[in-house]
Amino acid sequence: MELNEVRYNGGLPIDGYGAGFFRIDGTVYEGAQLILPNGRQDWGGYVDAAPLLAAAGLIDVLLIGTGAEIAHIPNDLRGRLEGAGIGIEVMGTPSAARSYNVLLGEGRRIGAALLPV
């Protein structure tokens, strides 16, 4: 079997996560996180739509990690994101973190808004 190192071409991979934290590109951050092609920032959760909407020209798809389990996001948030032309995929945070890394490794224009587990 041949193993190849994944290259993220300047993107920020999610190295790990746990109760209340994420390790992103080697650094640990507490609480909800937003990762976009232009960087990482703390995210205020569903009520903090402004940075998500500002990413409209940067990403094609936003993965929304809803915590330990998949859950519905508020309808108004979904409508605003879709209205801005942002494709969204809602899943539990563990699945969102894995999917984000795979798509990032493929060079896709991807973002992740993650609530902690």
Protein backbone atom coordinates (compact mmCIF):
# COMPACT_ATOMS: atom_id res chain seq x y z
CA MET A 1 0.00 0.00 0.00
CA GLU A 2 1.26 3.45 -0.88
CA LEU A 3 0.56 6.34 1.49
CA ASN A 4 0.54 9.89 0.19
CA GLU A 5 0.68 13.03 2.28
CA VAL A 6 -2.40 15.19 1.84
CA ARG A 7 -1.63 18.74 0.78
CA TYR A 8 -4.16 21.42 1.62
CA ASN A 9 -2.72 24.20 -0.57
CA GLY A 10 -2.87 26.88 2.11
CA GLY A 11 -6.17 25.72 3.61
CA LEU A 12 -6.59 25.08 7.32
CA PRO A 13 -7.23 21.39 8.07
CA ILE A 14 -9.12 20.23 11.14
CA ASP A 15 -6.61 18.10 13.04
CA GLY A 16 -8.96 17.07 15.84
CA TYR A 17 -11.82 18.02 18.13
CA GLY A 18 -13.16 17.16 21.55
CA ALA A 19 -15.52 18.39 24.22
CA GLY A 20 -15.70 22.12 23.55
CA PHE A 21 -12.59 22.52 21.37
CA PHE A 22 -11.13 22.13 17.89
CA ARG A 23 -7.51 21.71 16.80
CA ILE A 24 -7.20 23.55 13.50
CA ASP A 25 -3.91 23.52 11.62
CA GLY A 26 -2.08 22.60 14.82
CA THR A 27 -3.63 25.19 17.15
CA VAL A 28 -6.37 24.51 19.72
CA TYR A 29 -9.40 26.82 19.78
CA GLU A 30 -12.27 26.75 22.28
CA GLY A 31 -15.92 27.01 21.26
CA ALA A 32 -17.65 27.25 17.90
CA GLN A 33 -15.40 27.88 14.90
CA LEU A 34 -15.74 29.18 11.37
CA ILE A 35 -13.11 28.11 8.83
CA LEU A 36 -13.03 29.78 5.43
CA PRO A 37 -10.44 30.05 2.66
CA ASN A 38 -9.36 33.42 4.08
CA GLY A 39 -8.85 32.14 7.64
CA ARG A 40 -10.36 30.95 10.89
CA GLN A 41 -12.40 32.84 13.45
CA ASP A 42 -14.52 32.21 16.49
CA TRP A 43 -18.16 31.80 15.47
CA GLY A 44 -21.13 32.96 17.52
CA GLY A 45 -23.40 30.13 16.37
CA TYR A 46 -26.64 30.36 14.44
CA VAL A 47 -27.28 34.00 15.39
CA ASP A 48 -23.90 35.02 13.92
CA ALA A 49 -24.88 34.96 10.24
CA ALA A 50 -22.83 37.96 9.04
CA PRO A 51 -19.48 36.15 8.57
CA LEU A 52 -21.26 33.27 6.84
CA LEU A 53 -22.97 35.61 4.40
CA ALA A 54 -19.72 37.51 3.79
CA ALA A 55 -18.22 34.24 2.51
CA ALA A 56 -20.60 34.12 -0.46
CA GLY A 57 -17.89 34.86 -3.01
CA LEU A 58 -15.26 32.68 -1.36
CA ILE A 59 -16.97 29.30 -1.10
CA ASP A 60 -19.33 27.09 -3.03
CA VAL A 61 -20.43 24.96 -0.07
CA LEU A 62 -20.63 25.60 3.67
CA LEU A 63 -20.64 22.58 5.93
CA ILE A 64 -22.53 23.28 9.14
CA GLY A 65 -21.63 21.04 12.05
CA THR A 66 -24.51 20.99 14.53
CA GLY A 67 -22.70 19.39 17.46
CA ALA A 68 -22.48 15.74 18.47
CA GLU A 69 -25.61 14.84 16.49
CA ILE A 70 -27.24 16.17 13.35
CA ALA A 71 -29.92 18.78 14.05
CA HIS A 72 -31.97 21.27 12.07
CA ILE A 73 -30.62 24.77 11.65
CA PRO A 74 -32.99 27.75 11.94
CA ASN A 75 -35.09 28.21 8.80
CA ASP A 76 -34.25 31.92 8.55
CA LEU A 77 -30.50 31.13 8.55
CA ARG A 78 -30.96 28.48 5.88
CA GLY A 79 -32.98 30.91 3.74
CA ARG A 80 -30.44 33.72 4.07
CA LEU A 81 -27.52 31.45 3.13
CA GLU A 82 -29.31 29.93 0.17
CA GLY A 83 -30.45 33.41 -0.91
CA ALA A 84 -26.79 34.51 -0.94
CA GLY A 85 -25.95 31.61 -3.27
CA ILE A 86 -24.16 29.51 -0.65
CA GLY A 87 -24.78 25.79 -0.85
CA ILE A 88 -25.14 24.28 2.61
CA GLU A 89 -24.78 20.80 4.01
CA VAL A 90 -25.93 20.25 7.58
CA MET A 91 -24.51 17.32 9.57
CA GLY A 92 -23.15 16.43 12.95
CA THR A 93 -19.83 18.11 13.72
CA PRO A 94 -17.74 14.89 13.51
CA SER A 95 -19.05 14.23 9.98
CA ALA A 96 -18.64 17.88 9.01
CA ALA A 97 -14.99 17.90 10.15
CA ARG A 98 -14.18 14.76 8.16
CA SER A 99 -16.02 15.97 5.06
CA TYR A 100 -14.35 19.36 5.26
CA ASN A 101 -10.87 17.80 5.26
CA VAL A 102 -11.69 15.54 2.31
CA LEU A 103 -13.09 18.41 0.23
CA LEU A 104 -10.24 20.71 1.26
CA GLY A 105 -7.76 18.05 0.12
CA GLU A 106 -9.52 17.98 -3.24
CA GLY A 107 -8.99 21.73 -3.61
CA ARG A 108 -12.69 22.59 -3.33
CA ARG A 109 -13.96 26.05 -2.32
CA ILE A 110 -15.26 24.93 1.05
CA GLY A 111 -16.08 26.43 4.43
CA ALA A 112 -17.07 24.96 7.78
CA ALA A 113 -19.16 26.46 10.57
CA LEU A 114 -18.78 24.10 13.52
CA LEU A 115 -20.50 23.90 16.87
CA PRO A 116 -18.48 21.95 19.44
CA VAL A 117 -19.35 18.38 20.43
